[in-house]
């Protein structure tokens, strides 16, 4: 059975192996961070279209 998580954008389940893993810090000097998982397509939809071209090629 494949491990699953919840997509932080749409709330549906996503397999860990296909999900994008996002890491967010409260500010740029913080040592603490929080992780999220999401569908690749949901991430692309959530970003402004001007930023999508800067995503990693595997996304």
PDB file of N, CA and C in Angstrom:
ATOM      1  N   UNK A   1       0.842  -1.183   0.000  1.00  0.00           N
ATOM      2  CA  UNK A   1       0.000   0.000   0.000  1.00  0.00           C
ATOM      3  C   UNK A   1       0.887   1.246   0.000  1.00  0.00           C
ATOM      4  N   UNK A   2       0.582   2.186  -0.865  1.00  0.00           N
ATOM      5  CA  UNK A   2       1.379   3.402  -0.976  1.00  0.00           C
ATOM      6  C   UNK A   2       0.990   4.389   0.127  1.00  0.00           C
ATOM      7  N   UNK A   3       2.018   5.018   0.701  1.00  0.00           N
ATOM      8  CA  UNK A   3       1.781   5.999   1.754  1.00  0.00           C
ATOM      9  C   UNK A   3       1.122   7.234   1.155  1.00  0.00           C
ATOM     10  N   UNK A   4       0.139   7.787   1.858  1.00  0.00           N
ATOM     11  CA  UNK A   4      -0.604   8.935   1.348  1.00  0.00           C
ATOM     12  C   UNK A   4      -0.559  10.101   2.323  1.00  0.00           C
ATOM     13  N   UNK A   5      -0.824  11.272   1.772  1.00  0.00           N
ATOM     14  CA  UNK A   5      -0.933  12.507   2.544  1.00  0.00           C
ATOM     15  C   UNK A   5      -2.139  13.267   1.999  1.00  0.00           C
ATOM     16  N   UNK A   6      -2.420  14.399   2.601  1.00  0.00           N
ATOM     17  CA  UNK A   6      -3.499  15.266   2.139  1.00  0.00           C
ATOM     18  C   UNK A   6      -2.889  16.448   1.387  1.00  0.00           C
ATOM     19  N   UNK A   7      -3.397  16.743   0.211  1.00  0.00           N
ATOM     20  CA  UNK A   7      -2.929  17.884  -0.568  1.00  0.00           C
ATOM     21  C   UNK A   7      -3.320  19.172   0.170  1.00  0.00           C
ATOM     22  N   UNK A   8      -2.342  20.030   0.412  1.00  0.00           N
ATOM     23  CA  UNK A   8      -2.609  21.265   1.157  1.00  0.00           C
ATOM     24  C   UNK A   8      -3.381  22.284   0.325  1.00  0.00           C
ATOM     25  N   UNK A   9      -3.574  22.022  -0.956  1.00  0.00           N
ATOM     26  CA  UNK A   9      -4.316  22.948  -1.819  1.00  0.00           C
ATOM     27  C   UNK A   9      -5.768  22.534  -2.002  1.00  0.00           C
ATOM     28  N   UNK A  10      -6.000  21.252  -2.306  1.00  0.00           N
ATOM     29  CA  UNK A  10      -7.374  20.817  -2.610  1.00  0.00           C
ATOM     30  C   UNK A  10      -8.006  19.956  -1.519  1.00  0.00           C
ATOM     31  N   UNK A  11      -7.199  19.405  -0.616  1.00  0.00           N
ATOM     32  CA  UNK A  11      -7.730  18.591   0.471  1.00  0.00           C
ATOM     33  C   UNK A  11      -7.934  17.132   0.121  1.00  0.00           C
ATOM     34  N   UNK A  12      -7.679  16.745  -1.128  1.00  0.00           N
ATOM     35  CA  UNK A  12      -7.790  15.341  -1.522  1.00  0.00           C
ATOM     36  C   UNK A  12      -6.505  14.598  -1.194  1.00  0.00           C
ATOM     37  N   UNK A  13      -6.571  13.290  -1.216  1.00  0.00           N
ATOM     38  CA  UNK A  13      -5.379  12.507  -0.897  1.00  0.00           C
ATOM     39  C   UNK A  13      -4.414  12.492  -2.084  1.00  0.00           C
ATOM     40  N   UNK A  14      -3.128  12.386  -1.753  1.00  0.00           N
ATOM     41  CA  UNK A  14      -2.060  12.341  -2.749  1.00  0.00           C
ATOM     42  C   UNK A  14      -1.026  11.337  -2.248  1.00  0.00           C
ATOM     43  N   UNK A  15      -0.484  10.518  -3.157  1.00  0.00           N
ATOM     44  CA  UNK A  15       0.553   9.584  -2.721  1.00  0.00           C
ATOM     45  C   UNK A  15       1.845  10.369  -2.482  1.00  0.00           C
ATOM     46  N   UNK A  16       2.570   9.967  -1.458  1.00  0.00           N
ATOM     47  CA  UNK A  16       3.814  10.640  -1.103  1.00  0.00           C
ATOM     48  C   UNK A  16       4.799  10.604  -2.274  1.00  0.00           C
ATOM     49  N   UNK A  17       4.827   9.502  -3.000  1.00  0.00           N
ATOM     50  CA  UNK A  17       5.807   9.375  -4.091  1.00  0.00           C
ATOM     51  C   UNK A  17       5.510  10.305  -5.268  1.00  0.00           C
ATOM     52  N   UNK A  18       4.266  10.759  -5.438  1.00  0.00           N
ATOM     53  CA  UNK A  18       3.944  11.663  -6.543  1.00  0.00           C
ATOM     54  C   UNK A  18       3.750  13.107  -6.104  1.00  0.00           C
ATOM     55  N   UNK A  19       3.692  13.334  -4.810  1.00  0.00           N
ATOM     56  CA  UNK A  19       3.414  14.680  -4.279  1.00  0.00           C
ATOM     57  C   UNK A  19       4.631  15.595  -4.356  1.00  0.00           C
ATOM     58  N   UNK A  20       4.363  16.899  -4.452  1.00  0.00           N
ATOM     59  CA  UNK A  20       5.422  17.877  -4.235  1.00  0.00           C
ATOM     60  C   UNK A  20       5.503  18.065  -2.723  1.00  0.00           C
ATOM     61  N   UNK A  21       6.714  18.226  -2.230  1.00  0.00           N
ATOM     62  CA  UNK A  21       6.924  18.470  -0.803  1.00  0.00           C
ATOM     63  C   UNK A  21       7.331  19.932  -0.647  1.00  0.00           C
ATOM     64  N   UNK A  22       6.533  20.661   0.095  1.00  0.00           N
ATOM     65  CA  UNK A  22       6.794  22.080   0.304  1.00  0.00           C
ATOM     66  C   UNK A  22       7.297  22.289   1.725  1.00  0.00           C
ATOM     67  N   UNK A  23       8.262  23.158   1.869  1.00  0.00           N
ATOM     68  CA  UNK A  23       8.818  23.497   3.165  1.00  0.00           C
ATOM     69  C   UNK A  23       8.726  25.007   3.330  1.00  0.00           C
ATOM     70  N   UNK A  24       8.091  25.458   4.407  1.00  0.00           N
ATOM     71  CA  UNK A  24       7.850  26.886   4.609  1.00  0.00           C
ATOM     72  C   UNK A  24       8.440  27.327   5.936  1.00  0.00           C
ATOM     73  N   UNK A  25       9.147  28.449   5.907  1.00  0.00           N
ATOM     74  CA  UNK A  25       9.699  29.062   7.115  1.00  0.00           C
ATOM     75  C   UNK A  25       8.895  30.328   7.420  1.00  0.00           C
ATOM     76  N   UNK A  26       8.732  30.671   8.714  1.00  0.00           N
ATOM     77  CA  UNK A  26       8.008  31.896   9.053  1.00  0.00           C
ATOM     78  C   UNK A  26       8.718  33.158   8.554  1.00  0.00           C
ATOM     79  N   UNK A  27      10.034  33.093   8.415  1.00  0.00           N
ATOM     80  CA  UNK A  27      10.820  34.181   7.837  1.00  0.00           C
ATOM     81  C   UNK A  27      12.166  33.614   7.404  1.00  0.00           C
ATOM     82  N   UNK A  28      12.947  34.388   6.672  1.00  0.00           N
ATOM     83  CA  UNK A  28      14.157  33.834   6.056  1.00  0.00           C
ATOM     84  C   UNK A  28      15.272  33.487   7.038  1.00  0.00           C
ATOM     85  N   UNK A  29      15.246  34.005   8.265  1.00  0.00           N
ATOM     86  CA  UNK A  29      16.300  33.672   9.232  1.00  0.00           C
ATOM     87  C   UNK A  29      15.885  32.587  10.220  1.00  0.00           C
ATOM     88  N   UNK A  30      14.647  32.161  10.161  1.00  0.00           N
ATOM     89  CA  UNK A  30      14.141  31.143  11.082  1.00  0.00           C
ATOM     90  C   UNK A  30      14.795  29.792  10.812  1.00  0.00           C
ATOM     91  N   UNK A  31      15.039  29.055  11.884  1.00  0.00           N
ATOM     92  CA  UNK A  31      15.544  27.686  11.761  1.00  0.00           C
ATOM     93  C   UNK A  31      14.396  26.683  11.780  1.00  0.00           C
ATOM     94  N   UNK A  32      13.213  27.157  12.111  1.00  0.00           N
ATOM     95  CA  UNK A  32      12.036  26.294  12.136  1.00  0.00           C
ATOM     96  C   UNK A  32      11.339  26.333  10.788  1.00  0.00           C
ATOM     97  N   UNK A  33      10.745  25.200  10.416  1.00  0.00           N
ATOM     98  CA  UNK A  33       9.994  25.153   9.177  1.00  0.00           C
ATOM     99  C   UNK A  33       8.836  24.179   9.313  1.00  0.00           C
ATOM    100  N   UNK A  34       7.883  24.298   8.426  1.00  0.00           N
ATOM    101  CA  UNK A  34       6.728  23.410   8.402  1.00  0.00           C
ATOM    102  C   UNK A  34       6.637  22.800   7.018  1.00  0.00           C
ATOM    103  N   UNK A  35       6.296  21.529   6.954  1.00  0.00           N
ATOM    104  CA  UNK A  35       6.207  20.842   5.674  1.00  0.00           C
ATOM    105  C   UNK A  35       4.777  20.570   5.259  1.00  0.00           C
ATOM    106  N   UNK A  36       4.557  20.575   3.952  1.00  0.00           N
ATOM    107  CA  UNK A  36       3.252  20.292   3.357  1.00  0.00           C
ATOM    108  C   UNK A  36       3.460  19.406   2.131  1.00  0.00           C
ATOM    109  N   UNK A  37       2.421  18.694   1.749  1.00  0.00           N
ATOM    110  CA  UNK A  37       2.416  17.912   0.514  1.00  0.00           C
ATOM    111  C   UNK A  37       1.298  18.419  -0.384  1.00  0.00           C
ATOM    112  N   UNK A  38       1.461  18.239  -1.680  1.00  0.00           N
ATOM    113  CA  UNK A  38       0.413  18.661  -2.603  1.00  0.00           C
ATOM    114  C   UNK A  38       0.544  17.988  -3.954  1.00  0.00           C
ATOM    115  N   UNK A  39      -0.542  18.021  -4.715  1.00  0.00           N
ATOM    116  CA  UNK A  39      -0.492  17.564  -6.104  1.00  0.00           C
ATOM    117  C   UNK A  39       0.306  18.583  -6.914  1.00  0.00           C
ATOM    118  N   UNK A  40       1.079  18.107  -7.865  1.00  0.00           N
ATOM    119  CA  UNK A  40       1.854  19.015  -8.717  1.00  0.00           C
ATOM    120  C   UNK A  40       0.944  19.988  -9.454  1.00  0.00           C
ATOM    121  N   UNK A  41      -0.157  19.490  -9.981  1.00  0.00           N
ATOM    122  CA  UNK A  41      -1.077  20.352 -10.724  1.00  0.00           C
ATOM    123  C   UNK A  41      -1.740  21.385  -9.812  1.00  0.00           C
ATOM    124  N   UNK A  42      -2.005  21.035  -8.577  1.00  0.00           N
ATOM    125  CA  UNK A  42      -2.596  21.999  -7.643  1.00  0.00           C
ATOM    126  C   UNK A  42      -1.620  23.126  -7.337  1.00  0.00           C
ATOM    127  N   UNK A  43      -0.344  22.798  -7.202  1.00  0.00           N
ATOM    128  CA  UNK A  43       0.673  23.825  -6.975  1.00  0.00           C
ATOM    129  C   UNK A  43       0.723  24.776  -8.162  1.00  0.00           C
ATOM    130  N   UNK A  44       0.747  24.221  -9.384  1.00  0.00           N
ATOM    131  CA  UNK A  44       0.794  25.060 -10.578  1.00  0.00           C
ATOM    132  C   UNK A  44      -0.427  25.975 -10.661  1.00  0.00           C
ATOM    133  N   UNK A  45      -1.594  25.457 -10.285  1.00  0.00           N
ATOM    134  CA  UNK A  45      -2.822  26.240 -10.323  1.00  0.00           C
ATOM    135  C   UNK A  45      -2.787  27.363  -9.288  1.00  0.00           C
ATOM    136  N   UNK A  46      -2.195  27.085  -8.117  1.00  0.00           N
ATOM    137  CA  UNK A  46      -2.167  28.066  -7.030  1.00  0.00           C
ATOM    138  C   UNK A  46      -1.185  29.208  -7.281  1.00  0.00           C
ATOM    139  N   UNK A  47      -0.136  28.933  -8.040  1.00  0.00           N
ATOM    140  CA  UNK A  47       0.862  29.962  -8.312  1.00  0.00           C
ATOM    141  C   UNK A  47       0.394  30.911  -9.407  1.00  0.00           C
ATOM    142  N   UNK A  48       0.852  32.144  -9.335  1.00  0.00           N
ATOM    143  CA  UNK A  48       0.607  33.080 -10.420  1.00  0.00           C
ATOM    144  C   UNK A  48       1.272  32.516 -11.679  1.00  0.00           C
ATOM    145  N   UNK A  49       0.610  32.658 -12.812  1.00  0.00           N
ATOM    146  CA  UNK A  49       1.141  32.063 -14.050  1.00  0.00           C
ATOM    147  C   UNK A  49       2.536  32.573 -14.402  1.00  0.00           C
ATOM    148  N   UNK A  50       2.904  33.749 -13.938  1.00  0.00           N
ATOM    149  CA  UNK A  50       4.244  34.269 -14.223  1.00  0.00           C
ATOM    150  C   UNK A  50       5.330  33.509 -13.467  1.00  0.00           C
ATOM    151  N   UNK A  51       4.966  32.775 -12.427  1.00  0.00           N
ATOM    152  CA  UNK A  51       5.943  32.035 -11.618  1.00  0.00           C
ATOM    153  C   UNK A  51       6.073  30.574 -12.039  1.00  0.00           C
ATOM    154  N   UNK A  52       5.107  30.029 -12.725  1.00  0.00           N
ATOM    155  CA  UNK A  52       5.110  28.609 -13.089  1.00  0.00           C
ATOM    156  C   UNK A  52       6.350  28.245 -13.909  1.00  0.00           C
ATOM    157  N   UNK A  53       6.805  29.142 -14.752  1.00  0.00           N
ATOM    158  CA  UNK A  53       7.982  28.847 -15.589  1.00  0.00           C
ATOM    159  C   UNK A  53       9.255  28.684 -14.778  1.00  0.00           C
ATOM    160  N   UNK A  54       9.269  29.108 -13.520  1.00  0.00           N
ATOM    161  CA  UNK A  54      10.447  28.987 -12.664  1.00  0.00           C
ATOM    162  C   UNK A  54      10.461  27.723 -11.810  1.00  0.00           C
ATOM    163  N   UNK A  55       9.406  26.910 -11.923  1.00  0.00           N
ATOM    164  CA  UNK A  55       9.355  25.676 -11.152  1.00  0.00           C
ATOM    165  C   UNK A  55      10.429  24.695 -11.633  1.00  0.00           C
ATOM    166  N   UNK A  56      10.812  23.813 -10.738  1.00  0.00           N
ATOM    167  CA  UNK A  56      11.769  22.742 -11.073  1.00  0.00           C
ATOM    168  C   UNK A  56      11.212  21.943 -12.255  1.00  0.00           C
ATOM    169  N   UNK A  57      12.056  21.488 -13.166  1.00  0.00           N
ATOM    170  CA  UNK A  57      11.584  20.752 -14.358  1.00  0.00           C
ATOM    171  C   UNK A  57      10.756  19.510 -14.049  1.00  0.00           C
ATOM    172  N   UNK A  58      10.958  18.876 -12.909  1.00  0.00           N
ATOM    173  CA  UNK A  58      10.194  17.671 -12.572  1.00  0.00           C
ATOM    174  C   UNK A  58       8.787  18.000 -12.084  1.00  0.00           C
ATOM    175  N   UNK A  59       8.494  19.270 -11.884  1.00  0.00           N
ATOM    176  CA  UNK A  59       7.155  19.696 -11.468  1.00  0.00           C
ATOM    177  C   UNK A  59       6.452  20.168 -12.699  1.00  0.00           C
TER     178      UNK A  59
END
